[in-house]
Amino acid sequence: MKKYFIQYSPFTVPTTDGKLIEEHHGLAATNNPEISIAHMIAPPLWSEPFQTPEFEEYTYIISGKKQFIIDGETIILTAGQSIKIEKNTRVQYSNPFNEPCEYIAVCRPAFSIEKVNREK
């Protein structure tokens, strides 16, 4: 048995908002409930509803800028910066800027639609 796994074909999550989500490890890609690691590109002027996830989320910005509204505080990260958001924290993710934002997201435990708790 090999003691490593190289991901050659991440799971591309179907979206309707123009955002690219390539999950390399996690529930959809590798059936791993402990962690998810995804490469993402949020298009200009993208946003999603507020949510209160039951997992912690780490985000590392590769290029562009990303906006976070966390418990009413607006934070903007740029390339080379990262953030950890604790689980059960109300947050909204968006890219209200005129350029794409490329980033890596890590969720622990793994991201699941049942545990993200998006507001309607």
N, C-alpha and C. Protein backbone atom coordinates (compact mmCIF):
# COMPACT_ATOMS: atom_id res chain seq x y z
N MET A 1 0.84 -1.19 0.00
CA MET A 1 0.00 0.00 0.00
C MET A 1 0.88 1.26 0.00
N LYS A 2 0.58 2.18 -0.92
CA LYS A 2 1.34 3.44 -0.98
C LYS A 2 0.98 4.31 0.21
N LYS A 3 1.97 5.07 0.64
CA LYS A 3 1.77 5.98 1.76
C LYS A 3 1.54 7.41 1.30
N TYR A 4 1.15 7.56 0.02
CA TYR A 4 0.82 8.88 -0.50
C TYR A 4 -0.19 8.74 -1.62
N PHE A 5 -0.81 9.85 -1.95
CA PHE A 5 -1.78 9.89 -3.04
C PHE A 5 -1.60 11.21 -3.78
N ILE A 6 -1.34 11.15 -5.06
CA ILE A 6 -1.21 12.36 -5.88
C ILE A 6 -2.53 12.58 -6.59
N GLN A 7 -3.07 13.77 -6.45
CA GLN A 7 -4.34 14.10 -7.10
C GLN A 7 -4.06 14.68 -8.49
N TYR A 8 -4.43 13.94 -9.51
CA TYR A 8 -4.23 14.38 -10.89
C TYR A 8 -5.50 14.97 -11.50
N SER A 9 -6.63 14.62 -10.93
CA SER A 9 -7.89 15.09 -11.52
C SER A 9 -8.86 15.49 -10.42
N PRO A 10 -8.73 16.74 -9.94
CA PRO A 10 -9.63 17.19 -8.88
C PRO A 10 -11.08 17.19 -9.36
N PHE A 11 -11.99 17.14 -8.40
CA PHE A 11 -13.41 17.20 -8.69
C PHE A 11 -13.80 18.65 -8.94
N THR A 12 -14.35 18.94 -10.11
CA THR A 12 -14.82 20.30 -10.40
C THR A 12 -16.28 20.39 -9.96
N VAL A 13 -16.51 21.24 -8.97
CA VAL A 13 -17.85 21.41 -8.42
C VAL A 13 -18.70 22.20 -9.40
N PRO A 14 -19.88 21.69 -9.78
CA PRO A 14 -20.75 22.46 -10.68
C PRO A 14 -21.25 23.72 -9.98
N THR A 15 -21.15 24.85 -10.65
CA THR A 15 -21.64 26.12 -10.09
C THR A 15 -22.49 26.83 -11.13
N THR A 16 -23.28 27.78 -10.66
CA THR A 16 -24.11 28.59 -11.56
C THR A 16 -23.73 30.07 -11.51
N ASP A 17 -22.67 30.39 -10.74
CA ASP A 17 -22.31 31.79 -10.55
C ASP A 17 -20.97 32.17 -11.17
N GLY A 18 -20.41 31.29 -12.00
CA GLY A 18 -19.14 31.59 -12.67
C GLY A 18 -17.90 31.29 -11.86
N LYS A 19 -18.06 30.84 -10.64
CA LYS A 19 -16.91 30.53 -9.78
C LYS A 19 -16.37 29.15 -10.13
N LEU A 20 -15.04 29.04 -10.23
CA LEU A 20 -14.38 27.76 -10.44
C LEU A 20 -14.01 27.18 -9.09
N ILE A 21 -14.44 25.94 -8.84
CA ILE A 21 -14.09 25.24 -7.61
C ILE A 21 -13.54 23.88 -8.01
N GLU A 22 -12.26 23.66 -7.75
CA GLU A 22 -11.61 22.38 -8.00
C GLU A 22 -11.20 21.78 -6.66
N GLU A 23 -11.97 20.80 -6.21
CA GLU A 23 -11.65 20.16 -4.94
C GLU A 23 -10.61 19.07 -5.17
N HIS A 24 -9.46 19.22 -4.54
CA HIS A 24 -8.37 18.24 -4.67
C HIS A 24 -8.52 17.13 -3.64
N HIS A 25 -8.92 17.48 -2.45
CA HIS A 25 -9.14 16.51 -1.39
C HIS A 25 -10.38 16.94 -0.62
N GLY A 26 -11.19 15.99 -0.21
CA GLY A 26 -12.42 16.30 0.52
C GLY A 26 -13.48 15.27 0.24
N LEU A 27 -14.69 15.56 0.63
CA LEU A 27 -15.79 14.61 0.48
C LEU A 27 -16.05 14.25 -0.98
N ALA A 28 -16.13 15.25 -1.84
CA ALA A 28 -16.46 14.99 -3.25
C ALA A 28 -15.30 14.34 -4.01
N ALA A 29 -14.07 14.80 -3.76
CA ALA A 29 -12.92 14.35 -4.54
C ALA A 29 -12.35 13.01 -4.07
N THR A 30 -12.23 12.85 -2.75
CA THR A 30 -11.53 11.67 -2.22
C THR A 30 -12.28 10.99 -1.08
N ASN A 31 -13.53 11.41 -0.86
CA ASN A 31 -14.36 10.83 0.20
C ASN A 31 -13.70 10.97 1.58
N ASN A 32 -13.02 12.10 1.79
CA ASN A 32 -12.33 12.36 3.05
C ASN A 32 -13.16 13.36 3.87
N PRO A 33 -13.75 12.95 4.98
CA PRO A 33 -14.57 13.86 5.78
C PRO A 33 -13.76 14.76 6.71
N GLU A 34 -12.45 14.52 6.83
CA GLU A 34 -11.63 15.25 7.79
C GLU A 34 -11.18 16.62 7.31
N ILE A 35 -10.94 16.76 5.99
CA ILE A 35 -10.38 18.01 5.46
C ILE A 35 -10.77 18.15 4.00
N SER A 36 -10.92 19.38 3.55
CA SER A 36 -11.06 19.60 2.12
C SER A 36 -10.08 20.69 1.71
N ILE A 37 -9.51 20.50 0.53
CA ILE A 37 -8.56 21.46 -0.03
C ILE A 37 -9.03 21.74 -1.45
N ALA A 38 -9.28 23.01 -1.74
CA ALA A 38 -9.81 23.37 -3.05
C ALA A 38 -9.08 24.58 -3.63
N HIS A 39 -8.90 24.54 -4.95
CA HIS A 39 -8.39 25.68 -5.71
C HIS A 39 -9.61 26.38 -6.29
N MET A 40 -9.67 27.70 -6.10
CA MET A 40 -10.85 28.43 -6.54
C MET A 40 -10.47 29.70 -7.29
N ILE A 41 -11.34 30.08 -8.21
CA ILE A 41 -11.24 31.37 -8.88
C ILE A 41 -12.62 32.01 -8.83
N ALA A 42 -12.71 33.12 -8.10
CA ALA A 42 -13.96 33.88 -8.02
C ALA A 42 -13.92 34.97 -9.09
N PRO A 43 -14.91 35.00 -9.97
CA PRO A 43 -14.91 36.01 -11.02
C PRO A 43 -15.17 37.41 -10.45
N PRO A 44 -14.87 38.45 -11.23
CA PRO A 44 -15.17 39.80 -10.78
C PRO A 44 -16.65 39.95 -10.43
N LEU A 45 -16.93 40.70 -9.39
CA LEU A 45 -18.28 41.04 -8.94
C LEU A 45 -19.07 39.84 -8.44
N TRP A 46 -18.39 38.78 -8.03
CA TRP A 46 -19.02 37.58 -7.49
C TRP A 46 -19.29 37.75 -6.00
N SER A 47 -20.38 37.14 -5.54
CA SER A 47 -20.62 37.06 -4.09
C SER A 47 -21.54 35.87 -3.83
N GLU A 48 -21.56 35.44 -2.58
CA GLU A 48 -22.49 34.39 -2.18
C GLU A 48 -23.18 34.83 -0.90
N PRO A 49 -24.27 34.17 -0.54
CA PRO A 49 -25.01 34.58 0.66
C PRO A 49 -24.18 34.41 1.94
N PHE A 50 -24.60 35.10 2.98
CA PHE A 50 -24.00 34.87 4.29
C PHE A 50 -24.19 33.41 4.67
N GLN A 51 -23.25 32.91 5.47
CA GLN A 51 -23.30 31.53 5.93
C GLN A 51 -22.68 31.44 7.32
N THR A 52 -23.00 30.35 8.02
CA THR A 52 -22.42 30.08 9.33
C THR A 52 -21.96 28.62 9.33
N PRO A 53 -20.79 28.36 8.76
CA PRO A 53 -20.32 26.98 8.58
C PRO A 53 -19.99 26.27 9.89
N GLU A 54 -20.21 24.97 9.88
CA GLU A 54 -19.85 24.11 11.01
C GLU A 54 -18.45 23.54 10.82
N PHE A 55 -17.57 24.30 10.16
CA PHE A 55 -16.18 23.91 9.96
C PHE A 55 -15.34 25.17 9.94
N GLU A 56 -14.06 25.04 10.30
CA GLU A 56 -13.16 26.18 10.19
C GLU A 56 -12.67 26.25 8.74
N GLU A 57 -12.42 27.47 8.28
CA GLU A 57 -11.98 27.63 6.90
C GLU A 57 -10.76 28.54 6.86
N TYR A 58 -9.75 28.04 6.14
CA TYR A 58 -8.52 28.79 5.90
C TYR A 58 -8.53 29.21 4.43
N THR A 59 -8.15 30.44 4.15
CA THR A 59 -8.09 30.92 2.77
C THR A 59 -6.74 31.57 2.54
N TYR A 60 -6.08 31.19 1.43
CA TYR A 60 -4.82 31.80 1.02
C TYR A 60 -5.03 32.42 -0.36
N ILE A 61 -4.78 33.72 -0.49
CA ILE A 61 -5.00 34.44 -1.74
C ILE A 61 -3.76 34.31 -2.63
N ILE A 62 -3.96 33.78 -3.84
CA ILE A 62 -2.88 33.66 -4.82
C ILE A 62 -2.76 34.93 -5.65
N SER A 63 -3.91 35.42 -6.15
CA SER A 63 -3.90 36.66 -6.93
C SER A 63 -5.26 37.34 -6.79
N GLY A 64 -5.28 38.64 -7.02
CA GLY A 64 -6.50 39.42 -6.88
C GLY A 64 -6.78 39.75 -5.43
N LYS A 65 -8.05 40.07 -5.14
CA LYS A 65 -8.48 40.44 -3.80
C LYS A 65 -9.79 39.72 -3.49
N LYS A 66 -10.00 39.45 -2.21
CA LYS A 66 -11.25 38.82 -1.78
C LYS A 66 -11.75 39.54 -0.54
N GLN A 67 -13.06 39.75 -0.50
CA GLN A 67 -13.68 40.44 0.63
C GLN A 67 -14.40 39.44 1.53
N PHE A 68 -14.24 39.64 2.84
CA PHE A 68 -14.89 38.83 3.85
C PHE A 68 -15.67 39.78 4.75
N ILE A 69 -16.92 39.48 5.02
CA ILE A 69 -17.66 40.20 6.06
C ILE A 69 -17.86 39.19 7.17
N ILE A 70 -17.19 39.43 8.30
CA ILE A 70 -17.17 38.49 9.42
C ILE A 70 -17.78 39.18 10.63
N ASP A 71 -18.92 38.68 11.06
CA ASP A 71 -19.63 39.28 12.20
C ASP A 71 -19.73 40.80 12.05
N GLY A 72 -20.03 41.27 10.84
CA GLY A 72 -20.24 42.69 10.58
C GLY A 72 -18.98 43.48 10.24
N GLU A 73 -17.81 42.88 10.36
CA GLU A 73 -16.55 43.56 10.03
C GLU A 73 -16.11 43.18 8.62
N THR A 74 -15.78 44.19 7.80
CA THR A 74 -15.33 43.95 6.43
C THR A 74 -13.82 43.88 6.38
N ILE A 75 -13.31 42.78 5.80
CA ILE A 75 -11.87 42.55 5.69
C ILE A 75 -11.58 42.25 4.23
N ILE A 76 -10.52 42.85 3.69
CA ILE A 76 -10.11 42.60 2.31
C ILE A 76 -8.70 42.03 2.34
N LEU A 77 -8.53 40.85 1.73
CA LEU A 77 -7.21 40.24 1.63
C LEU A 77 -6.70 40.36 0.21
N THR A 78 -5.39 40.47 0.06
CA THR A 78 -4.75 40.54 -1.25
C THR A 78 -3.73 39.40 -1.37
N ALA A 79 -3.15 39.27 -2.55
CA ALA A 79 -2.21 38.18 -2.85
C ALA A 79 -1.15 38.05 -1.77
N GLY A 80 -0.94 36.80 -1.33
CA GLY A 80 0.07 36.51 -0.32
C GLY A 80 -0.46 36.54 1.10
N GLN A 81 -1.70 36.96 1.30
CA GLN A 81 -2.28 37.00 2.63
C GLN A 81 -3.19 35.78 2.84
N SER A 82 -3.40 35.44 4.10
CA SER A 82 -4.29 34.33 4.43
C SER A 82 -5.09 34.66 5.67
N ILE A 83 -6.13 33.86 5.88
CA ILE A 83 -7.01 34.07 7.04
C ILE A 83 -7.54 32.72 7.50
N LYS A 84 -7.79 32.61 8.79
CA LYS A 84 -8.50 31.46 9.36
C LYS A 84 -9.78 32.00 9.97
N ILE A 85 -10.90 31.37 9.62
CA ILE A 85 -12.18 31.76 10.18
C ILE A 85 -12.71 30.57 10.99
N GLU A 86 -12.98 30.81 12.24
CA GLU A 86 -13.44 29.75 13.15
C GLU A 86 -14.80 29.22 12.72
N LYS A 87 -15.07 27.96 13.04
CA LYS A 87 -16.38 27.39 12.73
C LYS A 87 -17.46 28.11 13.53
N ASN A 88 -18.68 28.04 13.03
CA ASN A 88 -19.85 28.69 13.64
C ASN A 88 -19.72 30.21 13.68
N THR A 89 -19.00 30.77 12.70
CA THR A 89 -18.86 32.21 12.55
C THR A 89 -19.65 32.65 11.33
N ARG A 90 -20.48 33.66 11.47
CA ARG A 90 -21.26 34.17 10.34
C ARG A 90 -20.34 34.96 9.42
N VAL A 91 -20.33 34.57 8.14
CA VAL A 91 -19.40 35.17 7.18
C VAL A 91 -20.04 35.26 5.80
N GLN A 92 -19.64 36.28 5.06
CA GLN A 92 -19.98 36.36 3.64
C GLN A 92 -18.69 36.52 2.86
N TYR A 93 -18.56 35.70 1.80
CA TYR A 93 -17.41 35.76 0.91
C TYR A 93 -17.83 36.46 -0.38
N SER A 94 -16.95 37.34 -0.89
CA SER A 94 -17.27 38.00 -2.16
C SER A 94 -16.01 38.53 -2.83
N ASN A 95 -16.18 38.83 -4.11
CA ASN A 95 -15.14 39.51 -4.89
C ASN A 95 -15.81 40.68 -5.59
N PRO A 96 -15.97 41.81 -4.89
CA PRO A 96 -16.65 42.95 -5.48
C PRO A 96 -15.73 43.80 -6.37
N PHE A 97 -14.61 43.24 -6.76
CA PHE A 97 -13.60 43.96 -7.51
C PHE A 97 -13.67 43.60 -8.99
N ASN A 98 -12.93 44.34 -9.81
CA ASN A 98 -12.99 44.18 -11.27
C ASN A 98 -11.95 43.23 -11.83
N GLU A 99 -11.42 42.34 -10.99
CA GLU A 99 -10.47 41.34 -11.46
C GLU A 99 -10.77 40.01 -10.75
N PRO A 100 -10.44 38.89 -11.38
CA PRO A 100 -10.67 37.60 -10.71
C PRO A 100 -9.81 37.47 -9.46
N CYS A 101 -10.26 36.65 -8.54
CA CYS A 101 -9.50 36.33 -7.33
C CYS A 101 -9.24 34.84 -7.32
N GLU A 102 -7.96 34.46 -7.33
CA GLU A 102 -7.57 33.06 -7.28
C GLU A 102 -7.09 32.75 -5.87
N TYR A 103 -7.57 31.65 -5.31
CA TYR A 103 -7.19 31.33 -3.93
C TYR A 103 -7.31 29.84 -3.66
N ILE A 104 -6.76 29.44 -2.53
CA ILE A 104 -6.85 28.08 -2.02
C ILE A 104 -7.69 28.15 -0.74
N ALA A 105 -8.64 27.23 -0.62
CA ALA A 105 -9.46 27.15 0.60
C ALA A 105 -9.27 25.77 1.22
N VAL A 106 -9.11 25.76 2.54
CA VAL A 106 -8.97 24.52 3.29
C VAL A 106 -10.04 24.55 4.38
N CYS A 107 -10.86 23.51 4.44
CA CYS A 107 -11.91 23.41 5.46
C CYS A 107 -11.64 22.18 6.31
N ARG A 108 -11.85 22.38 7.63
CA ARG A 108 -11.64 21.28 8.56
C ARG A 108 -12.72 21.29 9.62
N PRO A 109 -13.58 20.23 9.74
CA PRO A 109 -13.63 19.09 8.84
C PRO A 109 -14.02 19.52 7.43
N ALA A 110 -14.10 18.57 6.53
CA ALA A 110 -14.31 18.86 5.11
C ALA A 110 -15.59 19.65 4.86
N PHE A 111 -15.54 20.47 3.81
CA PHE A 111 -16.72 21.21 3.37
C PHE A 111 -17.84 20.23 3.02
N SER A 112 -19.04 20.56 3.43
CA SER A 112 -20.22 19.85 2.95
C SER A 112 -21.36 20.84 2.87
N ILE A 113 -22.20 20.68 1.88
CA ILE A 113 -23.32 21.60 1.68
C ILE A 113 -24.27 21.54 2.88
N GLU A 114 -24.33 20.41 3.55
CA GLU A 114 -25.21 20.28 4.72
C GLU A 114 -24.68 21.05 5.93
N LYS A 115 -23.39 21.32 5.96
CA LYS A 115 -22.79 21.99 7.12
C LYS A 115 -22.39 23.44 6.87
N VAL A 116 -22.67 23.97 5.67
CA VAL A 116 -22.28 25.35 5.38
C VAL A 116 -23.31 26.35 5.90
N ASN A 117 -24.57 25.94 5.98
CA ASN A 117 -25.64 26.79 6.55
C ASN A 117 -25.74 28.15 5.86
N ARG A 118 -25.91 28.13 4.54
CA ARG A 118 -26.08 29.39 3.79
C ARG A 118 -27.46 29.98 4.06
N GLU A 119 -27.49 31.29 4.19
CA GLU A 119 -28.76 31.99 4.39
C GLU A 119 -29.46 32.14 3.04
N LYS A 120 -30.76 32.19 3.07
CA LYS A 120 -31.55 32.30 1.84
C LYS A 120 -31.75 33.74 1.45
